[in-house]
Amino acid sequence: MMNAHEVWEYNEEERTQTLKRLICLCTGCHEVKHFGRSRVMGKQGECLYRIMEVNEWTEDQAVQHLVEVSEKWEERSKYEWTVDLTMMENYLK
């Protein structure tokens, strides 16, 4: 199954997140992209395996990456962000 995944650009100074595009991902890759949700659902092992497989990483490399993106998410979650969905306006015309 394919999933629509949103790609965001973040302006850390202005606290603006801008939707840049939508891409298709298989379910396994989409779960990796939303690792926090997947972890809550008990799928962290599957995500770890998937990210190792797709990137040809060792377990240590995959864990390090997931730690880094989790830390970035935690830092960004401390603030209120302005969401820019201008990209979608082009599709609604």
N, C-alpha and C. Protein backbone atom coordinates (compact mmCIF):
# COMPACT_ATOMS: atom_id res chain seq x y z
N MET A 1 0.84 -1.18 0.00
CA MET A 1 0.00 0.00 0.00
C MET A 1 0.89 1.24 0.00
N MET A 2 0.43 2.27 -0.69
CA MET A 2 1.16 3.54 -0.74
C MET A 2 0.46 4.57 0.15
N ASN A 3 1.26 5.45 0.71
CA ASN A 3 0.77 6.49 1.62
C ASN A 3 1.24 7.85 1.15
N ALA A 4 0.41 8.87 1.30
CA ALA A 4 0.83 10.24 1.01
C ALA A 4 1.59 10.76 2.23
N HIS A 5 2.76 11.32 1.97
CA HIS A 5 3.59 11.87 3.05
C HIS A 5 3.91 13.32 2.74
N GLU A 6 3.76 14.17 3.73
CA GLU A 6 4.02 15.58 3.58
C GLU A 6 5.49 15.89 3.83
N VAL A 7 6.04 16.78 3.00
CA VAL A 7 7.43 17.23 3.15
C VAL A 7 7.38 18.71 3.55
N TRP A 8 7.97 19.02 4.69
CA TRP A 8 7.92 20.36 5.26
C TRP A 8 9.29 21.02 5.21
N GLU A 9 9.26 22.33 5.09
CA GLU A 9 10.47 23.14 5.25
C GLU A 9 10.26 23.98 6.51
N TYR A 10 11.27 24.04 7.35
CA TYR A 10 11.16 24.75 8.62
C TYR A 10 12.05 25.97 8.63
N ASN A 11 11.47 27.11 9.02
CA ASN A 11 12.24 28.33 9.26
C ASN A 11 12.28 28.47 10.78
N GLU A 12 13.42 28.07 11.33
CA GLU A 12 13.57 28.03 12.79
C GLU A 12 13.46 29.42 13.43
N GLU A 13 13.96 30.44 12.75
CA GLU A 13 13.93 31.80 13.31
C GLU A 13 12.52 32.35 13.36
N GLU A 14 11.75 32.16 12.29
CA GLU A 14 10.39 32.70 12.23
C GLU A 14 9.35 31.73 12.76
N ARG A 15 9.78 30.50 13.08
CA ARG A 15 8.88 29.45 13.56
C ARG A 15 7.74 29.21 12.58
N THR A 16 8.13 29.06 11.31
CA THR A 16 7.16 28.78 10.25
C THR A 16 7.50 27.44 9.62
N GLN A 17 6.49 26.61 9.47
CA GLN A 17 6.68 25.36 8.73
C GLN A 17 5.83 25.45 7.47
N THR A 18 6.49 25.19 6.34
CA THR A 18 5.86 25.36 5.04
C THR A 18 5.75 24.01 4.35
N LEU A 19 4.54 23.66 3.95
CA LEU A 19 4.35 22.44 3.19
C LEU A 19 4.93 22.64 1.80
N LYS A 20 5.92 21.82 1.44
CA LYS A 20 6.60 21.97 0.16
C LYS A 20 6.09 21.02 -0.91
N ARG A 21 5.74 19.81 -0.50
CA ARG A 21 5.24 18.85 -1.47
C ARG A 21 4.68 17.62 -0.75
N LEU A 22 4.01 16.79 -1.52
CA LEU A 22 3.53 15.50 -1.04
C LEU A 22 4.22 14.43 -1.87
N ILE A 23 4.62 13.35 -1.20
CA ILE A 23 5.26 12.24 -1.89
C ILE A 23 4.56 10.94 -1.51
N CYS A 24 4.75 9.92 -2.31
CA CYS A 24 4.21 8.59 -2.02
C CYS A 24 5.29 7.74 -1.37
N LEU A 25 4.93 7.09 -0.28
CA LEU A 25 5.83 6.17 0.39
C LEU A 25 5.09 4.87 0.67
N CYS A 26 5.83 3.77 0.65
CA CYS A 26 5.22 2.51 1.08
C CYS A 26 4.93 2.62 2.58
N THR A 27 4.10 1.74 3.08
CA THR A 27 3.70 1.81 4.49
C THR A 27 4.90 1.73 5.43
N GLY A 28 5.84 0.84 5.13
CA GLY A 28 7.01 0.70 6.00
C GLY A 28 7.83 1.97 6.09
N CYS A 29 8.08 2.60 4.95
CA CYS A 29 8.85 3.85 4.94
C CYS A 29 8.06 4.98 5.59
N HIS A 30 6.75 5.01 5.39
CA HIS A 30 5.93 6.04 6.01
C HIS A 30 5.96 5.91 7.53
N GLU A 31 5.96 4.68 8.02
CA GLU A 31 6.03 4.48 9.47
C GLU A 31 7.38 4.96 10.02
N VAL A 32 8.45 4.79 9.24
CA VAL A 32 9.75 5.32 9.67
C VAL A 32 9.70 6.84 9.74
N LYS A 33 9.09 7.47 8.74
CA LYS A 33 9.01 8.93 8.72
C LYS A 33 8.24 9.48 9.92
N HIS A 34 7.27 8.69 10.41
CA HIS A 34 6.49 9.08 11.59
C HIS A 34 6.87 8.16 12.74
N PHE A 35 8.17 8.14 13.02
CA PHE A 35 8.72 7.18 13.99
C PHE A 35 8.12 7.34 15.38
N GLY A 36 7.87 8.56 15.80
CA GLY A 36 7.29 8.76 17.14
C GLY A 36 5.96 8.05 17.28
N ARG A 37 5.11 8.19 16.29
CA ARG A 37 3.81 7.51 16.29
C ARG A 37 4.01 6.00 16.22
N SER A 38 4.92 5.57 15.37
CA SER A 38 5.18 4.14 15.22
C SER A 38 5.71 3.54 16.53
N ARG A 39 6.55 4.29 17.22
CA ARG A 39 7.09 3.82 18.50
C ARG A 39 5.96 3.62 19.51
N VAL A 40 5.03 4.57 19.57
CA VAL A 40 3.89 4.46 20.49
C VAL A 40 3.05 3.22 20.15
N MET A 41 3.00 2.89 18.88
CA MET A 41 2.21 1.74 18.43
C MET A 41 3.00 0.42 18.53
N GLY A 42 4.21 0.47 19.08
CA GLY A 42 5.01 -0.73 19.26
C GLY A 42 5.69 -1.24 18.01
N LYS A 43 5.90 -0.36 17.04
CA LYS A 43 6.49 -0.77 15.77
C LYS A 43 7.94 -0.30 15.60
N GLN A 44 8.61 0.05 16.70
CA GLN A 44 9.96 0.57 16.58
C GLN A 44 10.92 -0.45 16.00
N GLY A 45 10.75 -1.72 16.31
CA GLY A 45 11.61 -2.76 15.77
C GLY A 45 11.49 -2.87 14.26
N GLU A 46 10.25 -2.84 13.77
CA GLU A 46 10.01 -2.89 12.33
C GLU A 46 10.61 -1.67 11.64
N CYS A 47 10.48 -0.52 12.27
CA CYS A 47 11.04 0.72 11.70
C CYS A 47 12.55 0.66 11.67
N LEU A 48 13.14 0.17 12.72
CA LEU A 48 14.59 0.06 12.77
C LEU A 48 15.09 -0.84 11.64
N TYR A 49 14.46 -1.99 11.48
CA TYR A 49 14.85 -2.90 10.41
C TYR A 49 14.68 -2.25 9.04
N ARG A 50 13.57 -1.55 8.85
CA ARG A 50 13.29 -0.92 7.55
C ARG A 50 14.33 0.14 7.21
N ILE A 51 14.66 0.99 8.17
CA ILE A 51 15.62 2.06 7.89
C ILE A 51 17.02 1.48 7.64
N MET A 52 17.35 0.39 8.31
CA MET A 52 18.63 -0.27 8.06
C MET A 52 18.65 -0.86 6.65
N GLU A 53 17.55 -1.50 6.26
CA GLU A 53 17.46 -2.14 4.96
C GLU A 53 17.54 -1.13 3.81
N VAL A 54 16.73 -0.09 3.89
CA VAL A 54 16.64 0.90 2.80
C VAL A 54 17.95 1.66 2.63
N ASN A 55 18.59 2.02 3.73
CA ASN A 55 19.80 2.84 3.67
C ASN A 55 21.10 2.04 3.72
N GLU A 56 20.96 0.73 3.88
CA GLU A 56 22.14 -0.14 4.03
C GLU A 56 23.00 0.32 5.19
N TRP A 57 22.33 0.59 6.32
CA TRP A 57 22.99 1.05 7.53
C TRP A 57 23.15 -0.09 8.52
N THR A 58 24.11 0.08 9.41
CA THR A 58 24.23 -0.81 10.55
C THR A 58 23.16 -0.42 11.56
N GLU A 59 22.97 -1.27 12.55
CA GLU A 59 22.00 -0.94 13.59
C GLU A 59 22.41 0.34 14.32
N ASP A 60 23.71 0.50 14.59
CA ASP A 60 24.18 1.71 15.28
C ASP A 60 23.88 2.97 14.47
N GLN A 61 24.08 2.91 13.16
CA GLN A 61 23.80 4.07 12.30
C GLN A 61 22.30 4.39 12.32
N ALA A 62 21.49 3.38 12.23
CA ALA A 62 20.04 3.59 12.23
C ALA A 62 19.56 4.16 13.55
N VAL A 63 20.05 3.61 14.64
CA VAL A 63 19.66 4.10 15.97
C VAL A 63 20.10 5.55 16.13
N GLN A 64 21.32 5.87 15.72
CA GLN A 64 21.83 7.25 15.83
C GLN A 64 20.93 8.21 15.05
N HIS A 65 20.55 7.82 13.83
CA HIS A 65 19.67 8.67 13.02
C HIS A 65 18.33 8.88 13.72
N LEU A 66 17.74 7.82 14.23
CA LEU A 66 16.44 7.94 14.90
C LEU A 66 16.53 8.78 16.15
N VAL A 67 17.63 8.69 16.87
CA VAL A 67 17.84 9.54 18.05
C VAL A 67 17.90 11.01 17.62
N GLU A 68 18.66 11.29 16.55
CA GLU A 68 18.80 12.67 16.08
C GLU A 68 17.47 13.26 15.63
N VAL A 69 16.69 12.52 14.86
CA VAL A 69 15.42 13.07 14.38
C VAL A 69 14.42 13.19 15.53
N SER A 70 14.49 12.28 16.50
CA SER A 70 13.60 12.39 17.67
C SER A 70 13.95 13.62 18.50
N GLU A 71 15.23 13.91 18.65
CA GLU A 71 15.65 15.10 19.39
C GLU A 71 15.21 16.37 18.67
N LYS A 72 15.33 16.39 17.35
CA LYS A 72 14.89 17.56 16.58
C LYS A 72 13.39 17.75 16.74
N TRP A 73 12.62 16.66 16.68
CA TRP A 73 11.16 16.75 16.85
C TRP A 73 10.83 17.29 18.25
N GLU A 74 11.52 16.79 19.27
CA GLU A 74 11.27 17.26 20.63
C GLU A 74 11.56 18.75 20.76
N GLU A 75 12.66 19.21 20.16
CA GLU A 75 13.02 20.63 20.23
C GLU A 75 11.97 21.47 19.51
N ARG A 76 11.58 21.07 18.31
CA ARG A 76 10.58 21.84 17.56
C ARG A 76 9.23 21.84 18.26
N SER A 77 8.93 20.79 19.00
CA SER A 77 7.63 20.68 19.68
C SER A 77 7.51 21.62 20.87
N LYS A 78 8.57 22.26 21.25
CA LYS A 78 8.54 23.21 22.37
C LYS A 78 7.88 24.53 21.97
N TYR A 79 7.72 24.75 20.66
CA TYR A 79 7.26 26.05 20.18
C TYR A 79 5.97 25.92 19.39
N GLU A 80 5.28 27.05 19.31
CA GLU A 80 4.10 27.14 18.45
C GLU A 80 4.58 27.59 17.07
N TRP A 81 4.11 26.92 16.04
CA TRP A 81 4.55 27.19 14.68
C TRP A 81 3.41 27.74 13.84
N THR A 82 3.75 28.62 12.92
CA THR A 82 2.81 29.08 11.91
C THR A 82 2.92 28.10 10.74
N VAL A 83 1.78 27.60 10.30
CA VAL A 83 1.77 26.62 9.21
C VAL A 83 1.40 27.32 7.91
N ASP A 84 2.23 27.12 6.91
CA ASP A 84 2.01 27.71 5.60
C ASP A 84 1.60 26.60 4.62
N LEU A 85 0.35 26.63 4.19
CA LEU A 85 -0.18 25.63 3.26
C LEU A 85 -0.41 26.23 1.88
N THR A 86 0.33 27.28 1.55
CA THR A 86 0.17 27.96 0.27
C THR A 86 0.26 26.98 -0.90
N MET A 87 1.13 26.00 -0.80
CA MET A 87 1.29 25.02 -1.87
C MET A 87 -0.04 24.36 -2.23
N MET A 88 -0.87 24.10 -1.24
CA MET A 88 -2.15 23.43 -1.48
C MET A 88 -3.13 24.33 -2.23
N GLU A 89 -2.99 25.63 -2.07
CA GLU A 89 -3.90 26.55 -2.75
C GLU A 89 -3.84 26.36 -4.27
N ASN A 90 -2.67 26.03 -4.78
CA ASN A 90 -2.53 25.81 -6.22
C ASN A 90 -3.35 24.62 -6.70
N TYR A 91 -3.55 23.63 -5.84
CA TYR A 91 -4.31 22.45 -6.21
C TYR A 91 -5.81 22.67 -6.09
N LEU A 92 -6.20 23.65 -5.28
CA LEU A 92 -7.62 23.89 -5.03
C LEU A 92 -8.23 24.86 -6.01
N LYS A 93 -7.43 25.46 -6.89
CA LYS A 93 -7.95 26.43 -7.83
C LYS A 93 -8.58 25.73 -9.02
